[in-house]
Amino acid sequence: MKNRMNIAFFASSLVSAYWNGAATYYRGIVRAMHARGHRVTFYEPDAFKRQKHRDMDDPPWAKVVVYSAESEAEVLRTVEQARGADLVVKASGVGVHDALLERAVLDLQGPGTLVVYWDVDAPATLDRMHHDAHDPLRPLVPRYDLVLTYGGGEPVSSAYKALGARDCIPIYNALDPTTHFPVAPEPRFEGDLGFLGNRLPDREARVEEFFLRAAAALPGRRFLLGGSGWQDKPMPPNVRYLGHVFTADHNAFNCTPLAVLNISRESMARYGFSPATRVFEAAGAAACLITDAWEGLEQFFEPGAEMLVARNGDEVAHQLESLDTDKARAVGEAAYRRVLAEHTYDHRAAQLDAVLEGRTMETAT
């Protein structure tokens, strides 16, 4: 593999987390790859008002190209700009012209150019392909040099291989300690339990169970809900809705309440081995995290010591009732030590480099 790769990355957005839950993941991976000497050009569409809701300027560790997605011709012209890159990535969930992009990037494949499909929502993508034999991605899967995912473990890898993938390797979410770290509490986020997540179809029922049910069971406790789309959702009176919480405020949101809650989307909980970015953000802030139960949790954190686990809303309420400041601090500090030791994006970038080195050597031979 070349010591320094030229990487073209087609994905939803690097500079805006607005309706874009993968932003933290992209930022962590791209920044860490830049630190290892690679050059990344990140192509993102001008769509979903994300450019009007930027939460960061163009970073020094990536070239950001914002392209018009008003026509297929414009999208294809943008793809052509990536010709000659050492690595071309098409991420899932760009949101506009996904099927076109998934076909078009494969035309860039050739000697010296690997083309990778990077699935940041593998459970949903796999469910979609399994339910639709004519899904446009299905016949393309075997053509990609490699499939990467940000979660799912062996169940997802096996499912992709069954669809013809040459290989499928998870590059899990992680922590960027330069952006997520402990800070002083802020009064606006004071409460007993905070949850941060956008309103999505395969998350809503689980939010009702794990968060709203727990709030209803503990009327004397204060609950905080952050994220887009919940404004018309009926809630118990002890829930305060904050709306969209910008990335710059995530540290204070994690550090201020007694505990914060992670709720996996239904598809990710079903496949397991899919820790959300919020899990690592909370650990990086030394927050006490209560998480819904999912298979593979023990691979990342020790339940009961580094993270508290609940199987339903009643157990969330019980965990919160049993929690005092000293215990919350001990759990959060244990998670902080673990995430710095094993789960930073530097760790993930080193893994990615090793994976890509193997693939480029195979191509060369």
Foldseek 3Di string as FASTA:
>chain_A
DDQEFEEEEEAQDQFFCAVPQCNQVVVQQQQLSLVSPYAYEYEAEPDPCRVVHGPDDPDPSYHYHYWYLPDLVRVLVVLVVCAPTQEYEYEPDSPGCSLVVLVNNLVSDDQSYAYEYEYAPQLVVLVVCVVDVVPSCLVSQQSHLEYEYQWLPPVSQVSSVVSNHPGYYYLHAAADLVQFAADDADPVQEWAEEEEDADDDQQVVQCCKAPQLLCVVCVPTAYEYEYADCPPPDGPPRYDYDYHDDSNCLLNNLNHHLAYEAEDGNSDQVSFGHDRNNLNSSLRNLFAYEYEDGPPPVVQDDDPQQYDYDPTNVRSNVVSVPDDNVSRNRNSPRSNVRRVVAGGSNNSNVVVVVVVVVSSVVSVD
